[in-house]
Every structure is written in C-alpha cells, then in structure tokens.
Amino acid sequence: MIRALLLLCLMALPVRAQDAATGETIVAGLSQNFVSITTDFTGSEILIYGAVKRETPVPEGSPLEVIITVQGPSGPLTVRRKERRFGIWMNTDSVTISRAPSFYAIASSAPMDKALSETENLRHQITIPRAIRAVGIAAEAADAPNFINALVRLRREQADYSLAEDTVELLESTLFRADVALPANLTEGEYKVRLFITRDGAIVDAHEQVITVHKAGLERWLHNLAHQQPLVYGLLSLLLAVVAGWGASAAFGLLRR
C-alpha cells in the first residue's frame, strides 16, 4: 500500500513541475454574480473578463487560447420520438438521459477543434455533447445518439444551448473578455462559469465562478405559493379564471348594447 502511494506521488511530480514552469494562471471577474427573475424579465447579458497572470514572459510557440462555458442547473429528462402512425402523431421510442444542463453556452477565442484536444474535452467535459450525461441509453433505442442530437438541436433553437467560436476577445495573450447572453426562460439555481486557457489543445489553467439566478417580487411570491400552499394557489387560479370570464362576458354585453 505504501509503495503504491509513493508511486502515485512520483507520477504526480512532473505534472506539478510543468505547471510551475508555465506559470500562467487566470484572474477573472463577472459583471454580475446575481440575476433576478421578475415579471418583466426578458433576459440578461453577463460580461466575463479577466487576465492571464504570469511570472515569466509570454512563452513562444503556440498561441494561448481561452474557452469560457456557462452551465445552468442539470437534471434528468426523457427524450421521446414522435412518428406519424394511422394518420396521427404519437410518441414511440424514448430514452432517459441521466443529466442534461438546462442552459449551456460556450465562447472561445478560436475554433474548438484548435483550442481543445479531445483528451482534455473528455477529462473536463467542456463541449455540449460532453456536458450531457447519457449512460446506458444504447440499450433503450437502437439509434440512441440521434436522441441526444435532437435534444441539442431543439435547445439550440430555443437559445438554451449555444456555441460561439472566435468571440472571446484576447489581447496580447493576456487580457480577455466575452459577453454571454442569458435567455428569458432561465431555470432558477446556480450557474457555473468555467474559464480555461490552453496551448496546443492542452489546458494550462482553469478557473470557476458561480452566478446565482433567483426569482424576485411577484414571481417569487407565486413560486413559493404554488410549492408551499398548492391548495391556496389552485383556488386563487380558479377565482382569477372566474373573474376574467365574467369580465369578458360583461364587456361583450356592453358592446352589444
């Protein structure tokens, strides 16, 4: 057991020495760490900015690249396929995805295939397909990967998933900034912001921050009422429907006169 631990320590030494040799670390900030969802919320935009701190001059050779991801709360979901049978559309096959982000945005200073190797992508789960965890779906459907592709396509159309290559502004391999748009249909929770700097597709350093998205005002009151007192919420909804129906009927009656 002791020999195994010593061997692991020795194997880790070259990695730490390499990191120390590069001496490049991320110093970053956000324009806002809290987003409030109100009745008139139409979306928001987050400015992500930072710099690369180094003890030595900029290394020569391959250029530095920056990758930024913003990931919303993740959860399980079921993806179903609809087919036209007997003249009607109906759900047929389905797969259960164990974890998929409600929101995922990527911004990079270069094309992803240039800025990131597949090995690093697999290790850190950076690209959109890697951020989706779908273990065992091959046993649920013969063409299971098509379900994931359909999920990504639909969420891209809804602006929940996005890939913006060559949009991170990088100056003198030191200063960088990017703007990430948050849509109006945000899920409440913590949004993880990850920043990576890479050379030759290998990650040199990584940094992580959190944006908290929460409901406020009337949205918060309705949300709490629906979850904490569902009976009262249902009765109020019914009352509002009755009042709205009566008001519409009275208005049409006045117009007929």
C-alpha atoms as a PDB file:
ATOM      1  CA  MET A   1       0.000   0.000   0.000  1.00  0.00           C
ATOM      2  CA  ILE A   2       2.814   2.419   0.938  1.00  0.00           C
ATOM      3  CA  ARG A   3       4.713   1.617  -2.253  1.00  0.00           C
ATOM      4  CA  ALA A   4       1.609   2.360  -4.303  1.00  0.00           C
ATOM      5  CA  LEU A   5       1.171   5.744  -2.620  1.00  0.00           C
ATOM      6  CA  LEU A   6       4.823   6.644  -3.230  1.00  0.00           C
ATOM      7  CA  LEU A   7       4.477   5.673  -6.874  1.00  0.00           C
ATOM      8  CA  LEU A   8       1.426   7.907  -7.267  1.00  0.00           C
ATOM      9  CA  CYS A   9       3.313  10.820  -5.696  1.00  0.00           C
ATOM     10  CA  LEU A  10       6.256  10.344  -8.048  1.00  0.00           C
ATOM     11  CA  MET A  11       3.926  10.204 -11.053  1.00  0.00           C
ATOM     12  CA  ALA A  12       2.325  13.493  -9.986  1.00  0.00           C
ATOM     13  CA  LEU A  13       5.621  15.380  -9.639  1.00  0.00           C
ATOM     14  CA  PRO A  14       6.248  16.025 -13.376  1.00  0.00           C
ATOM     15  CA  VAL A  15       2.752  17.476 -13.758  1.00  0.00           C
ATOM     16  CA  ARG A  16       3.272  19.979 -10.935  1.00  0.00           C
ATOM     17  CA  ALA A  17       6.711  20.867 -12.253  1.00  0.00           C
ATOM     18  CA  GLN A  18       5.260  21.542 -15.690  1.00  0.00           C
ATOM     19  CA  ASP A  19       2.526  23.771 -14.239  1.00  0.00           C
ATOM     20  CA  ALA A  20       5.113  25.704 -12.255  1.00  0.00           C
ATOM     21  CA  ALA A  21       7.256  26.112 -15.374  1.00  0.00           C
ATOM     22  CA  THR A  22       4.458  27.668 -17.406  1.00  0.00           C
ATOM     23  CA  GLY A  23       3.433  29.958 -14.511  1.00  0.00           C
ATOM     24  CA  GLU A  24       0.222  31.060 -16.248  1.00  0.00           C
ATOM     25  CA  THR A  25      -2.913  31.425 -14.117  1.00  0.00           C
ATOM     26  CA  ILE A  26      -6.338  33.003 -14.653  1.00  0.00           C
ATOM     27  CA  VAL A  27      -7.559  36.093 -12.818  1.00  0.00           C
ATOM     28  CA  ALA A  28     -11.193  36.742 -13.776  1.00  0.00           C
ATOM     29  CA  GLY A  29     -14.390  38.537 -12.815  1.00  0.00           C
ATOM     30  CA  LEU A  30     -18.066  38.842 -13.762  1.00  0.00           C
ATOM     31  CA  SER A  31     -20.189  41.916 -14.409  1.00  0.00           C
ATOM     32  CA  GLN A  32     -22.784  40.442 -12.028  1.00  0.00           C
ATOM     33  CA  ASN A  33     -22.993  37.424  -9.760  1.00  0.00           C
ATOM     34  CA  PHE A  34     -26.767  37.595  -9.171  1.00  0.00           C
ATOM     35  CA  VAL A  35     -29.611  37.631 -11.701  1.00  0.00           C
ATOM     36  CA  SER A  36     -33.159  38.353 -10.512  1.00  0.00           C
ATOM     37  CA  ILE A  37     -36.104  36.975 -12.477  1.00  0.00           C
ATOM     38  CA  THR A  38     -39.058  39.362 -12.266  1.00  0.00           C
ATOM     39  CA  THR A  39     -42.348  39.612 -14.150  1.00  0.00           C
ATOM     40  CA  ASP A  40     -40.748  41.837 -16.807  1.00  0.00           C
ATOM     41  CA  PHE A  41     -37.516  39.825 -17.122  1.00  0.00           C
ATOM     42  CA  THR A  42     -36.580  39.467 -20.798  1.00  0.00           C
ATOM     43  CA  GLY A  43     -33.099  38.047 -20.413  1.00  0.00           C
ATOM     44  CA  SER A  44     -29.725  39.348 -19.360  1.00  0.00           C
ATOM     45  CA  GLU A  45     -26.140  39.571 -20.545  1.00  0.00           C
ATOM     46  CA  ILE A  46     -23.097  38.654 -18.499  1.00  0.00           C
ATOM     47  CA  LEU A  47     -19.716  40.233 -19.157  1.00  0.00           C
ATOM     48  CA  ILE A  48     -16.900  37.826 -18.322  1.00  0.00           C
ATOM     49  CA  TYR A  49     -13.472  39.428 -18.217  1.00  0.00           C
ATOM     50  CA  GLY A  50     -10.029  38.620 -16.916  1.00  0.00           C
ATOM     51  CA  ALA A  51      -6.315  38.378 -17.449  1.00  0.00           C
ATOM     52  CA  VAL A  52      -3.585  35.757 -17.548  1.00  0.00           C
ATOM     53  CA  LYS A  53      -1.168  36.240 -14.679  1.00  0.00           C
ATOM     54  CA  ARG A  54       2.370  35.027 -15.295  1.00  0.00           C
ATOM     55  CA  GLU A  55       5.742  35.289 -13.575  1.00  0.00           C
ATOM     56  CA  THR A  56       7.732  34.997 -16.811  1.00  0.00           C
ATOM     57  CA  PRO A  57       7.390  36.495 -20.329  1.00  0.00           C
ATOM     58  CA  VAL A  58       4.783  35.062 -22.697  1.00  0.00           C
ATOM     59  CA  PRO A  59       6.013  31.640 -23.874  1.00  0.00           C
ATOM     60  CA  GLU A  60       6.991  31.460 -27.525  1.00  0.00           C
ATOM     61  CA  GLY A  61       5.456  28.999 -29.926  1.00  0.00           C
ATOM     62  CA  SER A  62       1.794  28.016 -29.939  1.00  0.00           C
ATOM     63  CA  PRO A  63      -0.631  30.835 -29.108  1.00  0.00           C
ATOM     64  CA  LEU A  64      -2.713  30.990 -25.958  1.00  0.00           C
ATOM     65  CA  GLU A  65      -6.445  30.331 -26.338  1.00  0.00           C
ATOM     66  CA  VAL A  66      -9.361  30.998 -23.992  1.00  0.00           C
ATOM     67  CA  ILE A  67     -12.521  28.919 -23.556  1.00  0.00           C
ATOM     68  CA  ILE A  68     -15.465  30.042 -21.410  1.00  0.00           C
ATOM     69  CA  THR A  69     -18.508  27.940 -20.503  1.00  0.00           C
ATOM     70  CA  VAL A  70     -21.676  28.872 -18.606  1.00  0.00           C
ATOM     71  CA  GLN A  71     -23.696  25.905 -17.366  1.00  0.00           C
ATOM     72  CA  GLY A  72     -27.146  26.019 -15.765  1.00  0.00           C
ATOM     73  CA  PRO A  73     -28.655  23.524 -13.315  1.00  0.00           C
ATOM     74  CA  SER A  74     -28.657  19.951 -14.625  1.00  0.00           C
ATOM     75  CA  GLY A  75     -31.231  17.228 -14.204  1.00  0.00           C
ATOM     76  CA  PRO A  76     -32.650  14.039 -15.727  1.00  0.00           C
ATOM     77  CA  LEU A  77     -35.061  14.121 -18.644  1.00  0.00           C
ATOM     78  CA  THR A  78     -36.764  11.824 -21.107  1.00  0.00           C
ATOM     79  CA  VAL A  79     -36.435  12.424 -24.839  1.00  0.00           C
ATOM     80  CA  ARG A  80     -39.260  10.960 -26.926  1.00  0.00           C
ATOM     81  CA  ARG A  81     -39.595  10.457 -30.648  1.00  0.00           C
ATOM     82  CA  LYS A  82     -42.839  11.252 -32.413  1.00  0.00           C
ATOM     83  CA  GLU A  83     -43.909   9.363 -35.518  1.00  0.00           C
ATOM     84  CA  ARG A  84     -46.989   9.549 -37.702  1.00  0.00           C
ATOM     85  CA  ARG A  85     -48.960   6.331 -37.412  1.00  0.00           C
ATOM     86  CA  PHE A  86     -52.509   5.636 -38.534  1.00  0.00           C
ATOM     87  CA  GLY A  87     -52.857   9.277 -39.532  1.00  0.00           C
ATOM     88  CA  ILE A  88     -51.931  10.756 -36.141  1.00  0.00           C
ATOM     89  CA  TRP A  89     -48.699  11.793 -34.423  1.00  0.00           C
ATOM     90  CA  MET A  90     -47.800   9.740 -31.368  1.00  0.00           C
ATOM     91  CA  ASN A  91     -44.840   9.101 -29.074  1.00  0.00           C
ATOM     92  CA  THR A  92     -42.944   5.939 -29.961  1.00  0.00           C
ATOM     93  CA  ASP A  93     -39.373   5.278 -28.749  1.00  0.00           C
ATOM     94  CA  SER A  94     -37.802   7.178 -25.849  1.00  0.00           C
ATOM     95  CA  VAL A  95     -34.517   7.339 -23.942  1.00  0.00           C
ATOM     96  CA  THR A  96     -33.813   8.603 -20.431  1.00  0.00           C
ATOM     97  CA  ILE A  97     -30.860  10.988 -20.114  1.00  0.00           C
ATOM     98  CA  SER A  98     -29.465  10.946 -16.594  1.00  0.00           C
ATOM     99  CA  ARG A  99     -28.196  14.545 -16.659  1.00  0.00           C
ATOM    100  CA  ALA A 100     -28.501  17.435 -19.082  1.00  0.00           C
ATOM    101  CA  PRO A 101     -27.872  21.142 -18.403  1.00  0.00           C
ATOM    102  CA  SER A 102     -30.898  23.413 -18.600  1.00  0.00           C
ATOM    103  CA  PHE A 103     -28.597  26.027 -20.153  1.00  0.00           C
ATOM    104  CA  TYR A 104     -25.136  25.719 -21.677  1.00  0.00           C
ATOM    105  CA  ALA A 105     -23.125  28.358 -23.520  1.00  0.00           C
ATOM    106  CA  ILE A 106     -19.591  28.146 -24.878  1.00  0.00           C
ATOM    107  CA  ALA A 107     -17.436  31.049 -26.058  1.00  0.00           C
ATOM    108  CA  SER A 108     -13.879  30.640 -27.314  1.00  0.00           C
ATOM    109  CA  SER A 109     -11.084  32.679 -28.824  1.00  0.00           C
ATOM    110  CA  ALA A 110     -10.530  30.120 -31.606  1.00  0.00           C
ATOM    111  CA  PRO A 111     -12.348  27.174 -33.192  1.00  0.00           C
ATOM    112  CA  MET A 112     -12.873  24.450 -30.595  1.00  0.00           C
ATOM    113  CA  ASP A 113     -11.000  21.790 -32.564  1.00  0.00           C
ATOM    114  CA  LYS A 114      -7.951  24.065 -32.493  1.00  0.00           C
ATOM    115  CA  ALA A 115      -8.262  25.315 -28.903  1.00  0.00           C
ATOM    116  CA  LEU A 116      -9.049  21.991 -27.209  1.00  0.00           C
ATOM    117  CA  SER A 117      -7.879  18.410 -27.617  1.00  0.00           C
ATOM    118  CA  GLU A 118     -10.341  15.543 -27.350  1.00  0.00           C
ATOM    119  CA  THR A 119      -8.454  14.172 -24.350  1.00  0.00           C
ATOM    120  CA  GLU A 120      -8.914  17.408 -22.404  1.00  0.00           C
ATOM    121  CA  ASN A 121     -12.504  17.637 -23.562  1.00  0.00           C
ATOM    122  CA  LEU A 122     -13.197  14.159 -22.247  1.00  0.00           C
ATOM    123  CA  ARG A 123     -11.497  14.957 -18.935  1.00  0.00           C
ATOM    124  CA  HIS A 124     -13.241  18.283 -18.268  1.00  0.00           C
ATOM    125  CA  GLN A 125     -16.495  17.732 -20.230  1.00  0.00           C
ATOM    126  CA  ILE A 126     -16.382  21.094 -21.983  1.00  0.00           C
ATOM    127  CA  THR A 127     -18.279  20.747 -25.278  1.00  0.00           C
ATOM    128  CA  ILE A 128     -22.073  20.453 -25.320  1.00  0.00           C
ATOM    129  CA  PRO A 129     -22.235  16.695 -26.088  1.00  0.00           C
ATOM    130  CA  ARG A 130     -19.727  16.003 -23.301  1.00  0.00           C
ATOM    131  CA  ALA A 131     -21.768  18.062 -20.816  1.00  0.00           C
ATOM    132  CA  ILE A 132     -24.738  15.726 -21.345  1.00  0.00           C
ATOM    133  CA  ARG A 133     -24.526  12.530 -19.315  1.00  0.00           C
ATOM    134  CA  ALA A 134     -26.356   9.681 -21.032  1.00  0.00           C
ATOM    135  CA  VAL A 135     -25.153   6.366 -19.616  1.00  0.00           C
ATOM    136  CA  GLY A 136     -26.887   3.199 -20.810  1.00  0.00           C
ATOM    137  CA  ILE A 137     -29.164   4.760 -23.414  1.00  0.00           C
ATOM    138  CA  ALA A 138     -27.831   2.410 -26.102  1.00  0.00           C
ATOM    139  CA  ALA A 139     -29.939  -0.346 -24.537  1.00  0.00           C
ATOM    140  CA  GLU A 140     -33.106   1.783 -24.769  1.00  0.00           C
ATOM    141  CA  ALA A 141     -33.017   2.541 -28.506  1.00  0.00           C
ATOM    142  CA  ALA A 142     -31.017   1.316 -31.472  1.00  0.00           C
ATOM    143  CA  ASP A 143     -30.231   4.849 -32.653  1.00  0.00           C
ATOM    144  CA  ALA A 144     -29.769   6.377 -29.194  1.00  0.00           C
ATOM    145  CA  PRO A 145     -27.225   9.050 -30.329  1.00  0.00           C
ATOM    146  CA  ASN A 146     -29.915  10.582 -32.552  1.00  0.00           C
ATOM    147  CA  PHE A 147     -31.955  11.391 -29.439  1.00  0.00           C
ATOM    148  CA  ILE A 148     -29.056  13.385 -27.978  1.00  0.00           C
ATOM    149  CA  ASN A 149     -28.557  15.177 -31.296  1.00  0.00           C
ATOM    150  CA  ALA A 150     -32.261  16.051 -31.343  1.00  0.00           C
ATOM    151  CA  LEU A 151     -32.076  17.384 -27.767  1.00  0.00           C
ATOM    152  CA  VAL A 152     -29.093  19.588 -28.637  1.00  0.00           C
ATOM    153  CA  ARG A 153     -30.777  20.829 -31.820  1.00  0.00           C
ATOM    154  CA  LEU A 154     -34.026  21.749 -30.037  1.00  0.00           C
ATOM    155  CA  ARG A 155     -32.266  23.539 -27.199  1.00  0.00           C
ATOM    156  CA  ARG A 156     -30.101  25.450 -29.655  1.00  0.00           C
ATOM    157  CA  GLU A 157     -33.254  26.627 -31.436  1.00  0.00           C
ATOM    158  CA  GLN A 158     -34.591  27.816 -28.062  1.00  0.00           C
ATOM    159  CA  ALA A 159     -31.267  29.610 -27.309  1.00  0.00           C
ATOM    160  CA  ASP A 160     -30.673  27.329 -24.302  1.00  0.00           C
ATOM    161  CA  TYR A 161     -27.515  25.843 -25.869  1.00  0.00           C
ATOM    162  CA  SER A 162     -25.040  27.914 -27.853  1.00  0.00           C
ATOM    163  CA  LEU A 163     -21.526  27.702 -29.271  1.00  0.00           C
ATOM    164  CA  ALA A 164     -19.813  30.987 -30.144  1.00  0.00           C
ATOM    165  CA  GLU A 165     -16.343  30.336 -31.546  1.00  0.00           C
ATOM    166  CA  ASP A 166     -13.900  33.191 -32.184  1.00  0.00           C
ATOM    167  CA  THR A 167     -15.934  35.529 -29.932  1.00  0.00           C
ATOM    168  CA  VAL A 168     -13.622  35.828 -26.916  1.00  0.00           C
ATOM    169  CA  GLU A 169     -11.507  38.952 -27.345  1.00  0.00           C
ATOM    170  CA  LEU A 170      -7.902  38.160 -26.393  1.00  0.00           C
ATOM    171  CA  LEU A 171      -5.320  40.973 -26.331  1.00  0.00           C
ATOM    172  CA  GLU A 172      -1.589  40.322 -26.262  1.00  0.00           C
ATOM    173  CA  SER A 173      -2.236  36.794 -24.935  1.00  0.00           C
ATOM    174  CA  THR A 174      -3.067  38.427 -21.596  1.00  0.00           C
ATOM    175  CA  LEU A 175      -6.381  40.312 -21.395  1.00  0.00           C
ATOM    176  CA  PHE A 176      -9.659  38.719 -22.454  1.00  0.00           C
ATOM    177  CA  ARG A 177     -13.398  39.364 -22.355  1.00  0.00           C
ATOM    178  CA  ALA A 178     -16.618  37.804 -23.605  1.00  0.00           C
ATOM    179  CA  ASP A 179     -20.342  38.548 -23.451  1.00  0.00           C
ATOM    180  CA  VAL A 180     -22.748  35.673 -22.781  1.00  0.00           C
ATOM    181  CA  ALA A 181     -26.485  36.200 -23.293  1.00  0.00           C
ATOM    182  CA  LEU A 182     -28.889  34.604 -20.820  1.00  0.00           C
ATOM    183  CA  PRO A 183     -32.397  33.943 -22.248  1.00  0.00           C
ATOM    184  CA  ALA A 184     -35.687  34.887 -20.586  1.00  0.00           C
ATOM    185  CA  ASN A 185     -36.622  31.266 -19.771  1.00  0.00           C
ATOM    186  CA  LEU A 186     -33.876  30.749 -17.203  1.00  0.00           C
ATOM    187  CA  THR A 187     -34.155  27.991 -14.619  1.00  0.00           C
ATOM    188  CA  GLU A 188     -33.654  29.141 -11.045  1.00  0.00           C
ATOM    189  CA  GLY A 189     -30.433  27.956  -9.426  1.00  0.00           C
ATOM    190  CA  GLU A 190     -26.660  28.256  -9.626  1.00  0.00           C
ATOM    191  CA  TYR A 191     -24.955  28.758 -12.994  1.00  0.00           C
ATOM    192  CA  LYS A 192     -21.375  27.557 -13.129  1.00  0.00           C
ATOM    193  CA  VAL A 193     -18.933  29.722 -15.103  1.00  0.00           C
ATOM    194  CA  ARG A 194     -15.713  27.950 -16.111  1.00  0.00           C
ATOM    195  CA  LEU A 195     -12.710  29.551 -17.777  1.00  0.00           C
ATOM    196  CA  PHE A 196      -9.856  27.647 -19.409  1.00  0.00           C
ATOM    197  CA  ILE A 197      -6.600  28.774 -21.013  1.00  0.00           C
ATOM    198  CA  THR A 198      -4.985  26.319 -23.407  1.00  0.00           C
ATOM    199  CA  ARG A 199      -1.889  25.824 -25.547  1.00  0.00           C
ATOM    200  CA  ASP A 200      -1.701  23.175 -28.268  1.00  0.00           C
ATOM    201  CA  GLY A 201      -5.105  21.962 -27.102  1.00  0.00           C
ATOM    202  CA  ALA A 202      -3.851  21.242 -23.566  1.00  0.00           C
ATOM    203  CA  ILE A 203      -5.364  23.066 -20.600  1.00  0.00           C
ATOM    204  CA  VAL A 204      -2.814  25.248 -18.805  1.00  0.00           C
ATOM    205  CA  ASP A 205      -5.109  26.582 -16.079  1.00  0.00           C
ATOM    206  CA  ALA A 206      -8.799  26.641 -15.141  1.00  0.00           C
ATOM    207  CA  HIS A 207     -10.935  28.967 -13.041  1.00  0.00           C
ATOM    208  CA  GLU A 208     -14.534  28.671 -11.826  1.00  0.00           C
ATOM    209  CA  GLN A 209     -17.156  31.112 -10.525  1.00  0.00           C
ATOM    210  CA  VAL A 210     -20.906  30.961  -9.844  1.00  0.00           C
ATOM    211  CA  ILE A 211     -23.847  33.115 -10.920  1.00  0.00           C
ATOM    212  CA  THR A 212     -26.972  32.787  -8.776  1.00  0.00           C
ATOM    213  CA  VAL A 213     -30.295  33.087 -10.604  1.00  0.00           C
ATOM    214  CA  HIS A 214     -33.378  33.537  -8.418  1.00  0.00           C
ATOM    215  CA  LYS A 215     -36.969  34.713  -8.708  1.00  0.00           C
ATOM    216  CA  ALA A 216     -37.884  38.058  -7.142  1.00  0.00           C
ATOM    217  CA  GLY A 217     -41.009  40.118  -6.476  1.00  0.00           C
ATOM    218  CA  LEU A 218     -44.304  38.699  -7.739  1.00  0.00           C
ATOM    219  CA  GLU A 219     -42.508  35.794  -9.450  1.00  0.00           C
ATOM    220  CA  ARG A 220     -41.004  34.701  -6.114  1.00  0.00           C
ATOM    221  CA  TRP A 221     -44.343  35.052  -4.299  1.00  0.00           C
ATOM    222  CA  LEU A 222     -46.207  32.971  -6.903  1.00  0.00           C
ATOM    223  CA  HIS A 223     -43.459  30.340  -6.952  1.00  0.00           C
ATOM    224  CA  ASN A 224     -43.495  29.970  -3.164  1.00  0.00           C
ATOM    225  CA  LEU A 225     -47.287  29.900  -3.075  1.00  0.00           C
ATOM    226  CA  ALA A 226     -47.506  27.187  -5.743  1.00  0.00           C
ATOM    227  CA  HIS A 227     -44.957  24.956  -3.992  1.00  0.00           C
ATOM    228  CA  GLN A 228     -45.724  25.632  -0.332  1.00  0.00           C
ATOM    229  CA  GLN A 229     -49.507  26.094  -0.463  1.00  0.00           C
ATOM    230  CA  PRO A 230     -50.761  24.408  -3.646  1.00  0.00           C
ATOM    231  CA  LEU A 231     -54.403  24.356  -2.477  1.00  0.00           C
ATOM    232  CA  VAL A 232     -54.481  28.134  -1.982  1.00  0.00           C
ATOM    233  CA  TYR A 233     -52.678  28.619  -5.295  1.00  0.00           C
ATOM    234  CA  GLY A 234     -55.245  26.441  -7.084  1.00  0.00           C
ATOM    235  CA  LEU A 235     -58.194  28.282  -5.513  1.00  0.00           C
ATOM    236  CA  LEU A 236     -56.715  31.673  -6.450  1.00  0.00           C
ATOM    237  CA  SER A 237     -56.147  30.488 -10.019  1.00  0.00           C
ATOM    238  CA  LEU A 238     -59.752  29.299 -10.216  1.00  0.00           C
ATOM    239  CA  LEU A 239     -61.008  32.602  -8.793  1.00  0.00           C
ATOM    240  CA  LEU A 240     -58.972  34.600 -11.309  1.00  0.00           C
ATOM    241  CA  ALA A 241     -60.320  32.460 -14.160  1.00  0.00           C
ATOM    242  CA  VAL A 242     -63.912  33.076 -12.995  1.00  0.00           C
ATOM    243  CA  VAL A 243     -63.333  36.818 -12.640  1.00  0.00           C
ATOM    244  CA  ALA A 244     -61.681  37.007 -16.064  1.00  0.00           C
ATOM    245  CA  GLY A 245     -64.551  35.086 -17.673  1.00  0.00           C
ATOM    246  CA  TRP A 246     -67.169  37.267 -16.004  1.00  0.00           C
ATOM    247  CA  GLY A 247     -65.297  40.431 -17.022  1.00  0.00           C
ATOM    248  CA  ALA A 248     -65.069  39.320 -20.648  1.00  0.00           C
ATOM    249  CA  SER A 249     -68.791  38.437 -20.683  1.00  0.00           C
ATOM    250  CA  ALA A 250     -69.713  41.808 -19.184  1.00  0.00           C
ATOM    251  CA  ALA A 251     -67.545  43.644 -21.715  1.00  0.00           C
ATOM    252  CA  PHE A 252     -69.155  41.855 -24.681  1.00  0.00           C
ATOM    253  CA  GLY A 253     -72.591  42.627 -23.208  1.00  0.00           C
ATOM    254  CA  LEU A 254     -71.811  46.325 -23.083  1.00  0.00           C
ATOM    255  CA  LEU A 255     -70.517  46.292 -26.638  1.00  0.00           C
ATOM    256  CA  ARG A 256     -73.727  44.676 -27.933  1.00  0.00           C
ATOM    257  CA  ARG A 257     -75.787  47.432 -26.374  1.00  0.00           C
END
